[in-house]
Amino acid sequence: MEEQNERPFGYPFKEVRAKKKIDLARVESDTRIRRKFLEAIENEDFGQLPNAVAGKGFIKMYAQYLGLE
């Protein structure tokens, strides 16, 4: 049974980015990850990522960029 207090996967990305006052345009520029893929990660819309391997790489790079690892 899933716990009710579990946060969605994309929540930490949005939360940390907001706390650091970084907009998606800056993340896109700094990481070279297209904005639509960053939005897909934050919104857990993984079907929008080009493929599983690239998606995993984008998630890892975005997490490192935000200091989540």
N, C-alpha and C. Protein backbone atom coordinates (compact mmCIF):
# COMPACT_ATOMS: atom_id res chain seq x y z
N MET A 1 0.83 -1.18 0.00
CA MET A 1 0.00 0.00 0.00
C MET A 1 0.88 1.25 0.00
N GLU A 2 0.57 2.20 -0.85
CA GLU A 2 1.35 3.42 -0.97
C GLU A 2 1.02 4.38 0.17
N GLU A 3 2.06 4.97 0.76
CA GLU A 3 1.85 5.92 1.84
C GLU A 3 1.32 7.23 1.27
N GLN A 4 0.43 7.86 2.00
CA GLN A 4 -0.18 9.10 1.54
C GLN A 4 0.78 10.28 1.56
N ASN A 5 1.82 10.22 2.41
CA ASN A 5 2.72 11.36 2.50
C ASN A 5 3.86 11.31 1.49
N GLU A 6 3.88 10.31 0.63
CA GLU A 6 4.91 10.24 -0.40
C GLU A 6 4.67 11.34 -1.43
N ARG A 7 5.76 11.98 -1.80
CA ARG A 7 5.66 13.05 -2.79
C ARG A 7 5.87 12.48 -4.18
N PRO A 8 5.28 13.11 -5.18
CA PRO A 8 5.50 12.67 -6.55
C PRO A 8 6.98 12.79 -6.92
N PHE A 9 7.41 11.98 -7.87
CA PHE A 9 8.80 11.96 -8.31
C PHE A 9 9.30 13.34 -8.72
N GLY A 10 8.50 14.08 -9.44
CA GLY A 10 8.93 15.38 -9.95
C GLY A 10 8.94 16.49 -8.92
N TYR A 11 8.35 16.27 -7.76
CA TYR A 11 8.21 17.32 -6.75
C TYR A 11 9.55 17.92 -6.32
N PRO A 12 10.57 17.12 -5.99
CA PRO A 12 11.83 17.73 -5.55
C PRO A 12 12.47 18.63 -6.61
N PHE A 13 12.31 18.27 -7.87
CA PHE A 13 12.87 19.09 -8.94
C PHE A 13 12.23 20.48 -8.93
N LYS A 14 10.91 20.52 -8.89
CA LYS A 14 10.20 21.80 -8.86
C LYS A 14 10.51 22.59 -7.60
N GLU A 15 10.48 21.89 -6.46
CA GLU A 15 10.66 22.55 -5.17
C GLU A 15 12.05 23.17 -5.06
N VAL A 16 13.08 22.42 -5.36
CA VAL A 16 14.45 22.93 -5.24
C VAL A 16 14.69 24.05 -6.25
N ARG A 17 14.22 23.86 -7.47
CA ARG A 17 14.39 24.89 -8.49
C ARG A 17 13.73 26.20 -8.04
N ALA A 18 12.53 26.09 -7.47
CA ALA A 18 11.82 27.28 -7.00
C ALA A 18 12.56 27.94 -5.83
N LYS A 19 13.06 27.13 -4.90
CA LYS A 19 13.79 27.68 -3.76
C LYS A 19 15.07 28.39 -4.20
N LYS A 20 15.69 27.88 -5.24
CA LYS A 20 16.91 28.50 -5.76
C LYS A 20 16.61 29.64 -6.73
N LYS A 21 15.32 29.84 -6.99
CA LYS A 21 14.86 30.90 -7.91
C LYS A 21 15.51 30.79 -9.28
N ILE A 22 15.47 29.56 -9.79
CA ILE A 22 16.01 29.29 -11.13
C ILE A 22 14.84 28.98 -12.04
N ASP A 23 14.73 29.68 -13.16
CA ASP A 23 13.64 29.38 -14.08
C ASP A 23 14.08 28.30 -15.08
N LEU A 24 13.10 27.72 -15.73
CA LEU A 24 13.39 26.62 -16.66
C LEU A 24 14.27 27.06 -17.83
N ALA A 25 14.14 28.31 -18.25
CA ALA A 25 14.98 28.81 -19.34
C ALA A 25 16.45 28.76 -18.96
N ARG A 26 16.75 29.10 -17.72
CA ARG A 26 18.15 29.04 -17.26
C ARG A 26 18.63 27.60 -17.16
N VAL A 27 17.79 26.72 -16.63
CA VAL A 27 18.18 25.31 -16.55
C VAL A 27 18.46 24.77 -17.95
N GLU A 28 17.58 25.10 -18.88
CA GLU A 28 17.76 24.66 -20.26
C GLU A 28 19.09 25.17 -20.82
N SER A 29 19.39 26.41 -20.59
CA SER A 29 20.63 27.00 -21.09
C SER A 29 21.86 26.37 -20.44
N ASP A 30 21.80 26.18 -19.14
CA ASP A 30 22.95 25.64 -18.41
C ASP A 30 23.19 24.16 -18.67
N THR A 31 22.11 23.39 -18.82
CA THR A 31 22.25 21.94 -18.96
C THR A 31 22.17 21.45 -20.40
N ARG A 32 21.63 22.29 -21.28
CA ARG A 32 21.37 21.92 -22.68
C ARG A 32 20.28 20.84 -22.80
N ILE A 33 19.47 20.70 -21.76
CA ILE A 33 18.31 19.82 -21.81
C ILE A 33 17.13 20.68 -22.24
N ARG A 34 16.44 20.26 -23.28
CA ARG A 34 15.33 21.06 -23.79
C ARG A 34 14.25 21.25 -22.73
N ARG A 35 13.67 22.43 -22.74
CA ARG A 35 12.65 22.80 -21.75
C ARG A 35 11.52 21.77 -21.69
N LYS A 36 11.07 21.28 -22.84
CA LYS A 36 9.95 20.34 -22.83
C LYS A 36 10.31 19.06 -22.07
N PHE A 37 11.59 18.68 -22.09
CA PHE A 37 12.02 17.49 -21.35
C PHE A 37 12.12 17.80 -19.86
N LEU A 38 12.56 18.98 -19.51
CA LEU A 38 12.59 19.39 -18.10
C LEU A 38 11.18 19.42 -17.52
N GLU A 39 10.25 19.97 -18.29
CA GLU A 39 8.85 20.00 -17.86
C GLU A 39 8.30 18.58 -17.72
N ALA A 40 8.68 17.70 -18.64
CA ALA A 40 8.22 16.31 -18.58
C ALA A 40 8.70 15.64 -17.29
N ILE A 41 9.94 15.91 -16.91
CA ILE A 41 10.48 15.33 -15.67
C ILE A 41 9.71 15.88 -14.47
N GLU A 42 9.54 17.19 -14.41
CA GLU A 42 8.84 17.80 -13.28
C GLU A 42 7.38 17.35 -13.19
N ASN A 43 6.77 17.09 -14.33
CA ASN A 43 5.35 16.70 -14.36
C ASN A 43 5.14 15.20 -14.46
N GLU A 44 6.25 14.45 -14.37
CA GLU A 44 6.19 12.98 -14.45
C GLU A 44 5.52 12.50 -15.73
N ASP A 45 5.77 13.19 -16.80
CA ASP A 45 5.21 12.82 -18.11
C ASP A 45 6.34 12.19 -18.94
N PHE A 46 6.79 11.03 -18.48
CA PHE A 46 7.97 10.40 -19.04
C PHE A 46 7.80 9.95 -20.49
N GLY A 47 6.58 9.86 -20.95
CA GLY A 47 6.32 9.53 -22.35
C GLY A 47 6.80 10.62 -23.30
N GLN A 48 7.02 11.82 -22.78
CA GLN A 48 7.51 12.93 -23.61
C GLN A 48 9.03 12.90 -23.79
N LEU A 49 9.72 12.07 -23.00
CA LEU A 49 11.17 11.96 -23.13
C LEU A 49 11.48 11.13 -24.37
N PRO A 50 12.62 11.39 -25.02
CA PRO A 50 12.90 10.73 -26.31
C PRO A 50 13.01 9.21 -26.21
N ASN A 51 13.60 8.70 -25.15
CA ASN A 51 13.70 7.25 -24.91
C ASN A 51 14.18 7.05 -23.48
N ALA A 52 14.18 5.80 -23.03
CA ALA A 52 14.52 5.51 -21.64
C ALA A 52 15.95 5.89 -21.28
N VAL A 53 16.88 5.60 -22.18
CA VAL A 53 18.28 5.90 -21.89
C VAL A 53 18.51 7.41 -21.79
N ALA A 54 18.03 8.16 -22.76
CA ALA A 54 18.17 9.61 -22.72
C ALA A 54 17.43 10.19 -21.52
N GLY A 55 16.24 9.68 -21.24
CA GLY A 55 15.46 10.16 -20.11
C GLY A 55 16.20 9.98 -18.79
N LYS A 56 16.80 8.82 -18.62
CA LYS A 56 17.57 8.56 -17.40
C LYS A 56 18.74 9.53 -17.30
N GLY A 57 19.41 9.78 -18.41
CA GLY A 57 20.51 10.74 -18.42
C GLY A 57 20.05 12.15 -18.09
N PHE A 58 18.91 12.56 -18.66
CA PHE A 58 18.37 13.89 -18.37
C PHE A 58 18.03 14.03 -16.89
N ILE A 59 17.39 13.00 -16.33
CA ILE A 59 17.02 13.04 -14.92
C ILE A 59 18.26 13.15 -14.05
N LYS A 60 19.27 12.36 -14.35
CA LYS A 60 20.50 12.39 -13.57
C LYS A 60 21.18 13.76 -13.67
N MET A 61 21.27 14.29 -14.88
CA MET A 61 21.91 15.59 -15.08
C MET A 61 21.14 16.70 -14.38
N TYR A 62 19.82 16.67 -14.47
CA TYR A 62 18.99 17.69 -13.84
C TYR A 62 19.14 17.59 -12.31
N ALA A 63 19.14 16.38 -11.77
CA ALA A 63 19.31 16.19 -10.33
C ALA A 63 20.68 16.73 -9.87
N GLN A 64 21.72 16.45 -10.62
CA GLN A 64 23.05 16.95 -10.27
C GLN A 64 23.08 18.47 -10.34
N TYR A 65 22.49 19.02 -11.36
CA TYR A 65 22.43 20.48 -11.52
C TYR A 65 21.79 21.15 -10.32
N LEU A 66 20.73 20.54 -9.80
CA LEU A 66 20.01 21.11 -8.66
C LEU A 66 20.62 20.71 -7.32
N GLY A 67 21.61 19.81 -7.34
CA GLY A 67 22.23 19.36 -6.11
C GLY A 67 21.40 18.34 -5.36
N LEU A 68 20.62 17.54 -6.08
CA LEU A 68 19.73 16.57 -5.44
C LEU A 68 20.41 15.23 -5.15
N GLU A 69 21.57 15.00 -5.71
CA GLU A 69 22.21 13.71 -5.46
C GLU A 69 23.11 13.75 -4.25
